[in-house]
Protein backbone atom coordinates (compact mmCIF):
# COMPACT_ATOMS: atom_id res chain seq x y z
CA MET A 1 -2.04 30.10 -0.67
CA ILE A 2 0.16 29.15 2.29
CA ALA A 3 3.88 29.57 1.76
CA PRO A 4 6.29 26.74 2.55
CA PRO A 5 8.47 26.91 5.68
CA THR A 6 11.47 29.24 5.48
CA THR A 7 13.88 26.36 6.21
CA PRO A 8 13.59 23.81 3.37
CA PRO A 9 12.16 20.53 4.68
CA ARG A 10 14.25 17.44 3.95
CA ALA A 11 12.80 14.43 2.14
CA LEU A 12 14.32 10.94 1.83
CA MET A 13 13.03 8.80 -1.05
CA LEU A 14 13.98 5.09 -1.05
CA GLU A 15 13.48 2.15 -3.43
CA ASN A 16 13.59 3.85 -6.82
CA ILE A 17 10.55 6.07 -6.38
CA HIS A 18 9.49 7.76 -9.62
CA PRO A 19 11.10 11.14 -10.44
CA ASP A 20 7.66 12.78 -10.60
CA ALA A 21 7.45 12.43 -6.80
CA VAL A 22 10.83 14.11 -6.44
CA GLU A 23 9.64 16.92 -8.70
CA ALA A 24 6.45 17.43 -6.67
CA LEU A 25 8.41 17.69 -3.43
CA THR A 26 11.05 19.94 -4.94
CA LEU A 27 8.33 22.32 -6.16
CA ALA A 28 6.96 22.28 -2.59
CA GLY A 29 10.30 23.65 -1.38
CA CYS A 30 11.91 20.42 -0.17
CA THR A 31 15.48 19.23 -0.57
CA VAL A 32 15.21 15.62 -1.71
CA GLU A 33 17.67 12.75 -1.27
CA THR A 34 17.05 9.57 -3.26
CA ARG A 35 18.43 6.07 -2.75
CA ARG A 36 17.93 3.06 -5.00
CA GLY A 37 17.35 0.30 -2.45
CA ALA A 38 15.66 -0.25 0.88
CA LEU A 39 17.35 0.30 4.25
CA ASP A 40 17.40 -1.96 7.29
CA GLU A 41 16.26 -0.66 10.66
CA ASP A 42 19.55 0.75 11.92
CA ALA A 43 20.48 2.32 8.58
CA LEU A 44 17.02 3.88 8.31
CA ILE A 45 17.26 5.40 11.79
CA GLU A 46 20.56 7.00 10.86
CA ALA A 47 19.30 8.25 7.49
CA LEU A 48 16.20 9.87 9.03
CA ARG A 49 18.08 12.30 11.25
CA GLY A 50 16.73 15.77 10.37
CA VAL A 51 14.32 14.35 7.76
CA GLN A 52 10.67 15.46 7.70
CA ILE A 53 9.36 13.39 4.77
CA LEU A 54 10.02 9.69 4.05
CA GLY A 55 9.06 7.89 0.84
CA ILE A 56 9.21 4.10 0.68
CA ARG A 57 7.81 1.16 -1.21
CA SER A 58 7.18 -2.35 0.10
CA LYS A 59 10.64 -3.46 1.24
CA THR A 60 11.43 -0.78 3.84
CA THR A 61 10.05 -1.46 7.32
CA VAL A 62 9.18 1.57 9.43
CA SER A 63 9.05 0.05 12.89
CA GLU A 64 8.20 1.45 16.31
CA LYS A 65 11.94 1.79 16.95
CA VAL A 66 12.43 3.78 13.74
CA LEU A 67 9.51 6.09 14.53
CA ALA A 68 10.72 6.65 18.09
CA ALA A 69 14.12 7.75 16.80
CA ALA A 70 12.82 9.90 13.92
CA GLU A 71 11.87 12.96 15.95
CA ASP A 72 11.69 15.28 12.93
CA LEU A 73 9.56 12.99 10.78
CA LEU A 74 6.18 14.52 9.83
CA VAL A 75 4.86 12.29 7.07
CA ILE A 76 5.46 8.95 5.33
CA GLY A 77 4.50 8.18 1.75
CA ALA A 78 4.05 4.50 0.86
CA PHE A 79 4.47 4.48 -2.92
CA CYS A 80 2.46 1.26 -3.20
CA ILE A 81 -0.89 -0.13 -2.07
CA GLY A 82 0.08 -1.83 1.18
CA THR A 83 1.07 -0.13 4.43
CA ASN A 84 1.70 -3.21 6.60
CA GLN A 85 5.43 -2.38 6.46
CA ILE A 86 4.67 0.69 8.60
CA ASP A 87 3.71 0.58 12.28
CA LEU A 88 0.58 2.66 11.75
CA ALA A 89 -0.47 2.67 15.39
CA GLU A 90 2.88 4.11 16.46
CA ALA A 91 2.85 6.61 13.59
CA SER A 92 -0.56 7.81 14.78
CA ARG A 93 0.59 8.07 18.39
CA ARG A 94 3.45 10.30 17.26
CA GLY A 95 1.38 12.41 14.87
CA VAL A 96 3.12 11.14 11.74
CA ALA A 97 0.77 11.14 8.75
CA VAL A 98 0.83 8.20 6.33
CA PHE A 99 -0.35 8.21 2.71
CA ASN A 100 -0.40 5.42 0.12
CA ALA A 101 -1.59 4.77 -3.43
CA PRO A 102 -4.67 2.56 -3.12
CA PHE A 103 -5.67 2.71 -6.79
CA SER A 104 -2.71 3.69 -8.95
CA ASN A 105 -1.29 0.26 -9.79
CA THR A 106 -4.54 -1.69 -9.93
CA ARG A 107 -4.51 -2.11 -13.70
CA SER A 108 -0.89 -3.28 -13.75
CA VAL A 109 -1.53 -6.00 -11.16
CA VAL A 110 -4.65 -7.16 -12.99
CA GLU A 111 -2.82 -7.43 -16.30
CA LEU A 112 -0.04 -9.50 -14.71
CA ALA A 113 -2.63 -11.84 -13.19
CA LEU A 114 -4.34 -12.30 -16.55
CA ALA A 115 -1.01 -12.88 -18.29
CA GLU A 116 -0.12 -15.60 -15.77
CA ILE A 117 -3.53 -17.25 -16.05
CA VAL A 118 -3.23 -17.51 -19.85
CA SER A 119 0.43 -18.53 -19.71
CA LEU A 120 -0.13 -21.31 -17.19
CA THR A 121 -3.35 -22.53 -18.79
CA ARG A 122 -1.53 -22.89 -22.13
CA ARG A 123 1.62 -24.35 -20.44
CA MET A 124 3.67 -21.59 -22.07
CA THR A 125 6.36 -21.58 -19.39
CA GLU A 126 7.06 -25.28 -19.88
CA LYS A 127 7.09 -24.96 -23.68
CA ASP A 128 9.42 -21.97 -23.45
CA ARG A 129 11.92 -23.86 -21.30
CA SER A 130 11.83 -26.86 -23.61
CA MET A 131 12.49 -24.68 -26.64
CA HIS A 132 15.45 -22.97 -24.96
CA ALA A 133 16.80 -26.43 -24.18
CA GLY A 134 16.51 -27.33 -27.88
CA VAL A 135 13.46 -29.59 -27.51
CA TRP A 136 10.58 -29.26 -29.99
CA ASP A 137 7.48 -30.40 -28.06
CA LYS A 138 4.46 -29.54 -30.19
CA SER A 139 1.51 -30.98 -28.30
CA ALA A 140 -1.94 -29.89 -27.11
CA SER A 141 -1.77 -32.16 -24.05
CA GLY A 142 -2.61 -30.25 -20.88
CA ALA A 143 -3.13 -26.93 -22.72
CA HIS A 144 -6.51 -25.22 -22.50
CA GLU A 145 -8.37 -22.07 -23.39
CA VAL A 146 -9.31 -19.81 -20.50
CA ARG A 147 -12.75 -19.36 -22.02
CA GLY A 148 -15.32 -21.33 -20.04
CA ARG A 149 -13.05 -21.95 -17.07
CA THR A 150 -13.93 -20.71 -13.59
CA LEU A 151 -11.83 -18.04 -11.90
CA GLY A 152 -12.06 -17.86 -8.11
CA ILE A 153 -11.04 -14.48 -6.70
CA VAL A 154 -10.25 -14.33 -2.98
CA GLY A 155 -10.49 -10.67 -1.98
CA TYR A 156 -12.93 -8.59 -4.02
CA GLY A 157 -11.44 -5.13 -3.58
CA ASN A 158 -10.05 -2.69 -6.15
CA ILE A 159 -7.88 -5.30 -7.87
CA GLY A 160 -10.27 -8.22 -7.47
CA THR A 161 -13.21 -6.35 -8.98
CA GLN A 162 -11.27 -5.10 -12.01
CA LEU A 163 -9.86 -8.59 -12.60
CA SER A 164 -13.40 -9.91 -12.38
CA VAL A 165 -14.60 -7.64 -15.18
CA LEU A 166 -11.67 -8.33 -17.51
CA ALA A 167 -11.75 -12.09 -16.89
CA GLU A 168 -15.41 -12.15 -17.88
CA ALA A 169 -14.50 -10.32 -21.07
CA LEU A 170 -12.18 -13.27 -21.85
CA GLY A 171 -15.10 -15.66 -21.39
CA MET A 172 -14.29 -16.90 -17.90
CA ARG A 173 -16.88 -17.61 -15.24
CA VAL A 174 -16.08 -15.66 -12.08
CA VAL A 175 -16.77 -16.51 -8.46
CA PHE A 176 -15.40 -14.57 -5.51
CA TYR A 177 -15.14 -14.65 -1.74
CA ASP A 178 -14.62 -11.70 0.60
CA THR A 179 -15.08 -11.36 4.34
CA ALA A 180 -16.97 -8.10 3.74
CA ASP A 181 -20.19 -7.70 1.79
CA LYS A 182 -19.30 -6.73 -1.78
CA LEU A 183 -21.42 -5.95 -4.81
CA ALA A 184 -20.87 -8.51 -7.57
CA LEU A 185 -19.93 -6.94 -10.90
CA GLY A 186 -21.19 -8.34 -14.20
CA ASN A 187 -22.11 -12.01 -13.87
CA ALA A 188 -19.72 -12.72 -11.01
CA ARG A 189 -21.14 -14.82 -8.17
CA CYS A 190 -20.33 -14.41 -4.49
CA CYS A 191 -19.46 -17.58 -2.59
CA ASP A 192 -20.62 -18.02 1.00
CA SER A 193 -17.24 -19.38 2.12
CA LEU A 194 -13.70 -20.01 0.94
CA PRO A 195 -14.29 -23.80 0.73
CA ASP A 196 -17.29 -23.15 -1.54
CA LEU A 197 -15.01 -21.16 -3.88
CA LEU A 198 -12.23 -23.77 -3.86
CA GLU A 199 -14.70 -26.48 -4.76
CA VAL A 200 -15.60 -24.92 -8.12
CA ALA A 201 -12.61 -22.79 -9.21
CA ASP A 202 -10.22 -23.88 -11.96
CA VAL A 203 -7.98 -20.91 -11.07
CA VAL A 204 -7.68 -19.46 -7.56
CA THR A 205 -6.11 -16.01 -7.22
CA LEU A 206 -5.48 -14.12 -3.97
CA HIS A 207 -5.99 -10.34 -3.75
CA VAL A 208 -6.23 -9.77 0.01
CA ASP A 209 -4.74 -6.94 2.06
CA GLY A 210 -1.85 -7.05 4.50
CA ARG A 211 -3.74 -7.07 7.81
CA GLU A 212 -2.32 -9.40 10.45
CA GLY A 213 -5.44 -11.57 10.41
CA ASN A 214 -4.63 -12.71 6.87
CA ALA A 215 -1.33 -14.34 7.92
CA GLY A 216 -1.39 -18.03 7.00
CA LEU A 217 -4.69 -17.62 5.17
CA PHE A 218 -3.84 -20.27 2.59
CA GLY A 219 -2.11 -23.50 3.62
CA GLU A 220 -2.30 -27.29 3.50
CA ALA A 221 -6.06 -27.55 4.02
CA GLU A 222 -6.86 -24.96 1.37
CA PHE A 223 -4.54 -26.47 -1.25
CA ALA A 224 -5.99 -29.92 -0.56
CA ALA A 225 -9.49 -28.53 -1.09
CA MET A 226 -8.66 -27.11 -4.54
CA ARG A 227 -9.79 -28.98 -7.63
CA PRO A 228 -7.31 -31.43 -9.18
CA GLY A 229 -5.44 -29.68 -12.00
CA ALA A 230 -6.31 -26.19 -10.74
CA LEU A 231 -3.96 -23.20 -10.89
CA PHE A 232 -3.00 -20.97 -7.97
CA LEU A 233 -1.92 -17.30 -8.05
CA ASN A 234 -0.74 -14.99 -5.29
CA LEU A 235 -0.11 -11.35 -6.19
CA SER A 236 -1.14 -9.95 -2.79
CA ARG A 237 1.09 -10.60 0.26
CA GLY A 238 3.77 -13.24 0.75
CA PHE A 239 2.94 -14.07 4.36
CA VAL A 240 -0.61 -15.19 3.60
CA VAL A 241 0.51 -18.45 1.92
CA ASP A 242 2.36 -21.57 3.10
CA TYR A 243 4.70 -22.06 0.14
CA ASP A 244 6.08 -25.38 1.42
CA SER A 245 2.56 -26.78 1.17
CA LEU A 246 2.16 -25.28 -2.28
CA ARG A 247 5.33 -27.00 -3.45
CA ARG A 248 4.09 -30.39 -2.21
CA HIS A 249 0.81 -30.03 -4.10
CA LEU A 250 2.62 -28.96 -7.27
CA GLU A 251 5.13 -31.81 -7.10
CA SER A 252 2.38 -34.35 -6.46
CA GLY A 253 0.51 -33.19 -9.57
CA HIS A 254 -2.57 -32.22 -7.59
CA LEU A 255 -2.14 -28.63 -8.82
CA ALA A 256 -1.19 -27.91 -12.42
CA GLY A 257 0.72 -24.70 -11.84
CA ALA A 258 1.19 -21.49 -9.90
CA GLY A 259 2.07 -17.84 -10.43
CA ILE A 260 3.70 -16.12 -7.46
CA ASP A 261 4.77 -12.47 -7.24
CA VAL A 262 5.12 -11.96 -3.46
CA PHE A 263 7.09 -13.79 -0.81
CA PRO A 264 7.39 -13.85 3.01
CA VAL A 265 11.01 -12.70 2.81
CA GLU A 266 12.19 -10.64 -0.15
CA PRO A 267 15.66 -9.30 -0.97
CA LEU A 268 16.13 -5.64 -0.04
CA VAL A 269 18.23 -4.75 -3.09
CA ALA A 270 18.13 -5.85 -6.73
CA GLY A 271 20.76 -8.50 -7.35
CA ASP A 272 20.59 -10.05 -3.88
CA GLU A 273 19.93 -13.81 -3.78
CA PHE A 274 16.29 -14.86 -3.81
CA VAL A 275 15.48 -17.93 -1.70
CA SER A 276 12.20 -19.83 -1.99
CA PRO A 277 10.96 -23.44 -1.89
CA LEU A 278 9.29 -22.75 -5.24
CA ARG A 279 12.53 -22.28 -7.15
CA GLY A 280 13.20 -24.85 -9.86
CA LEU A 281 9.62 -26.03 -10.41
CA ARG A 282 8.82 -26.23 -14.13
CA ASN A 283 5.16 -25.26 -13.79
CA VAL A 284 5.62 -22.15 -11.64
CA VAL A 285 5.95 -18.54 -12.77
CA LEU A 286 8.01 -16.57 -10.25
CA THR A 287 8.23 -12.79 -10.51
CA PRO A 288 10.11 -10.39 -8.18
CA HIS A 289 7.16 -8.46 -6.71
CA ILE A 290 6.48 -6.62 -9.97
CA GLY A 291 2.68 -6.57 -9.89
CA GLY A 292 2.67 -2.77 -9.83
CA SER A 293 6.02 -2.35 -11.55
CA THR A 294 5.06 -0.82 -14.85
CA GLU A 295 6.25 2.58 -15.98
CA GLU A 296 2.65 3.76 -16.17
CA ALA A 297 1.80 2.64 -12.64
CA GLN A 298 4.99 3.96 -11.08
CA GLN A 299 4.54 7.36 -12.69
CA ASP A 300 0.94 7.55 -11.51
CA ILE A 301 1.95 6.46 -8.00
CA GLY A 302 4.77 9.02 -7.97
CA ARG A 303 2.41 11.83 -8.94
CA PHE A 304 -0.37 10.73 -6.58
CA VAL A 305 1.61 10.11 -3.40
CA GLY A 306 4.06 12.93 -4.14
CA GLY A 307 1.08 15.27 -4.41
CA LYS A 308 -0.38 14.04 -1.14
CA LEU A 309 2.94 14.59 0.65
CA SER A 310 3.38 18.10 -0.71
CA ASP A 311 -0.25 19.02 0.08
CA TYR A 312 0.15 17.82 3.64
CA LEU A 313 3.42 19.67 4.02
CA LEU A 314 2.12 22.97 2.66
CA THR A 315 -1.53 23.02 3.75
CA GLY A 316 -2.08 20.20 6.24
CA ALA A 317 -4.58 18.45 3.91
CA THR A 318 -5.14 14.81 4.93
CA SER A 319 -7.51 13.60 2.22
CA LEU A 320 -7.04 9.79 1.83
CA SER A 321 -4.58 9.60 4.72
CA VAL A 322 -4.22 6.04 5.98
CA ASN A 323 -4.09 6.94 9.67
CA LEU A 324 -5.05 10.58 10.38
CA PRO A 325 -8.56 12.10 10.29
CA ARG A 326 -9.27 13.05 6.69
CA LEU A 327 -9.77 16.73 5.94
CA THR A 328 -10.24 18.05 2.41
CA LEU A 329 -9.56 21.76 2.64
CA ALA A 330 -10.77 24.82 0.84
CA GLU A 331 -8.38 27.66 0.00
CA ALA A 332 -6.81 29.10 3.14
CA THR A 333 -8.75 32.06 4.51
CA GLY A 334 -6.07 33.43 6.86
CA GLU A 335 -2.45 34.48 6.59
CA HIS A 336 -1.25 31.70 8.89
CA ARG A 337 -2.35 28.14 9.59
CA LEU A 338 -2.07 26.12 12.80
CA ILE A 339 -2.05 22.30 12.62
CA HIS A 340 -2.94 20.53 15.86
CA ILE A 341 -2.90 16.73 16.16
CA HIS A 342 -4.25 15.49 19.45
CA ARG A 343 -5.75 12.62 21.38
CA ASN A 344 -9.48 12.60 20.80
CA THR A 345 -10.77 13.56 24.24
CA PRO A 346 -13.68 15.84 25.21
CA GLY A 347 -13.04 19.56 25.36
CA VAL A 348 -9.90 19.74 23.19
CA LEU A 349 -11.32 22.20 20.66
CA ALA A 350 -12.56 24.51 23.43
CA ALA A 351 -9.14 24.37 25.10
CA ILE A 352 -7.37 25.24 21.83
CA ASN A 353 -9.66 28.19 21.17
CA SER A 354 -9.35 29.40 24.76
CA ARG A 355 -5.57 29.58 24.45
CA LEU A 356 -5.80 31.30 21.09
CA ALA A 357 -8.15 33.89 22.59
CA ALA A 358 -5.77 34.41 25.50
CA GLY A 359 -3.09 35.24 22.94
CA SER A 360 -5.43 37.74 21.20
CA VAL A 361 -5.60 35.49 18.13
CA ASN A 362 -8.76 35.80 16.05
CA ILE A 363 -9.89 32.69 14.15
CA ASP A 364 -10.68 33.17 10.45
CA ALA A 365 -11.64 29.55 9.78
CA GLN A 366 -11.40 26.21 11.56
CA PHE A 367 -11.63 22.57 10.46
CA LEU A 368 -11.95 19.55 12.78
CA GLY A 369 -11.80 15.85 12.03
CA THR A 370 -11.65 12.82 14.30
CA ARG A 371 -10.70 9.22 13.65
CA GLY A 372 -10.76 6.74 16.50
CA GLU A 373 -8.39 7.98 19.19
CA LEU A 374 -7.05 10.85 17.06
CA GLY A 375 -8.30 14.38 16.52
CA TYR A 376 -7.04 16.81 13.89
CA VAL A 377 -7.71 20.57 13.95
CA ILE A 378 -6.67 23.10 11.33
CA THR A 379 -7.08 26.74 12.32
CA ASP A 380 -6.57 29.70 9.99
CA VAL A 381 -5.67 32.95 11.73
CA GLY A 382 -4.95 36.48 10.56
CA ILE A 383 -1.86 37.21 12.65
CA GLU A 384 1.42 35.47 13.27
CA LEU A 385 1.30 33.15 16.27
CA ASP A 386 3.77 34.11 18.98
CA GLU A 387 5.94 31.58 20.81
CA THR A 388 3.99 31.97 24.05
CA THR A 389 0.68 31.01 22.41
CA VAL A 390 2.21 28.04 20.60
CA ALA A 391 3.87 26.89 23.83
CA SER A 392 0.55 27.06 25.67
CA LEU A 393 -1.03 24.83 23.02
CA GLN A 394 1.90 22.41 23.24
CA GLU A 395 1.34 22.14 26.98
CA LEU A 396 -2.18 20.74 26.56
CA SER A 397 -2.22 17.18 27.89
CA SER A 398 -3.98 15.98 24.73
CA THR A 399 -1.48 17.51 22.28
CA ILE A 400 0.49 15.09 20.09
CA ARG A 401 2.02 17.44 17.54
CA ILE A 402 1.76 21.08 16.47
CA ARG A 403 2.82 22.67 13.21
CA VAL A 404 2.56 26.33 12.25
CA LEU A 405 2.42 27.11 8.54
CA GLN A 406 3.31 30.68 7.59
């Protein structure tokens, strides 16, 4: 067991991160500051002075400018699925580890998608508004069962596959499209192209990731290609859809309804005004990016990411890191541990070991991982590393960051 640093590391948790994450970091020896909302770039730079650990959700942007100013920052936890709000390339260049929660809120997003599909297919939102306005409109016109209808899933990852299985259990036919080869679950059928999917789907739902190449994925041409009377859902990323085009196709009656949970620009703090061309449409369900916002999901995310942050802080473990080489570690075999993040060039490991030998440091165990341009070495040693040896390692031209755990 490796003891935490003698000076308590500081952690900043933004955007109402679950208390279980705070507890995990506190047990790891951190002092934790929490804030309810997100911070803009300048406020975040100021708040990160002297902070080693940052926890965010989807509304805080960690830009190149933020990372350049945050000299003490060691690790970022994205308490959500996406990490496109973080400049991952810059984080890697500066040796800042990034972790996320790729699985924890999958069920919550899937259940919201299913709820919106049933609600829109039965025209529940329109009936609800009529009732609140005092109008009794008992009619079957335009209301359908989901059984027998075709669901088209764009993006067949963790969320898309689970939605596929549950939709089939409701009696829906499922087709999907993904740019990568994916194994079809149950009776789902893979489409060769997005137009092939749009041609047959009664409901189209997007579950794509936040990579830059997905920007503008769905616009005028795609909406025009959808079947008349079809439904459209986006619970993935706001910037992948042209919402002005969506409004035109809803107002024209070409599409019967939509359920939207994510938007290109979202308020930073609860209570701020929400602006969207989709406001006011009777056949649209708008939700404030709550796909993963269930108590169950947030607790699981808090425990998962909080555990990853504390493990990295205390042991250097990088299992499931988004950007660093992934090392799953056994129990420490030495009294002290050296963490060395470096540019992945030939001869780095030999240079590290040469400098350790020059400092009369015997290696008890060593772990190496590489990932693209990055290398990550963990070395367990039996004696305390002196300042001269650490300085010699820091002077290596390939060195990005060094940590010594004692």
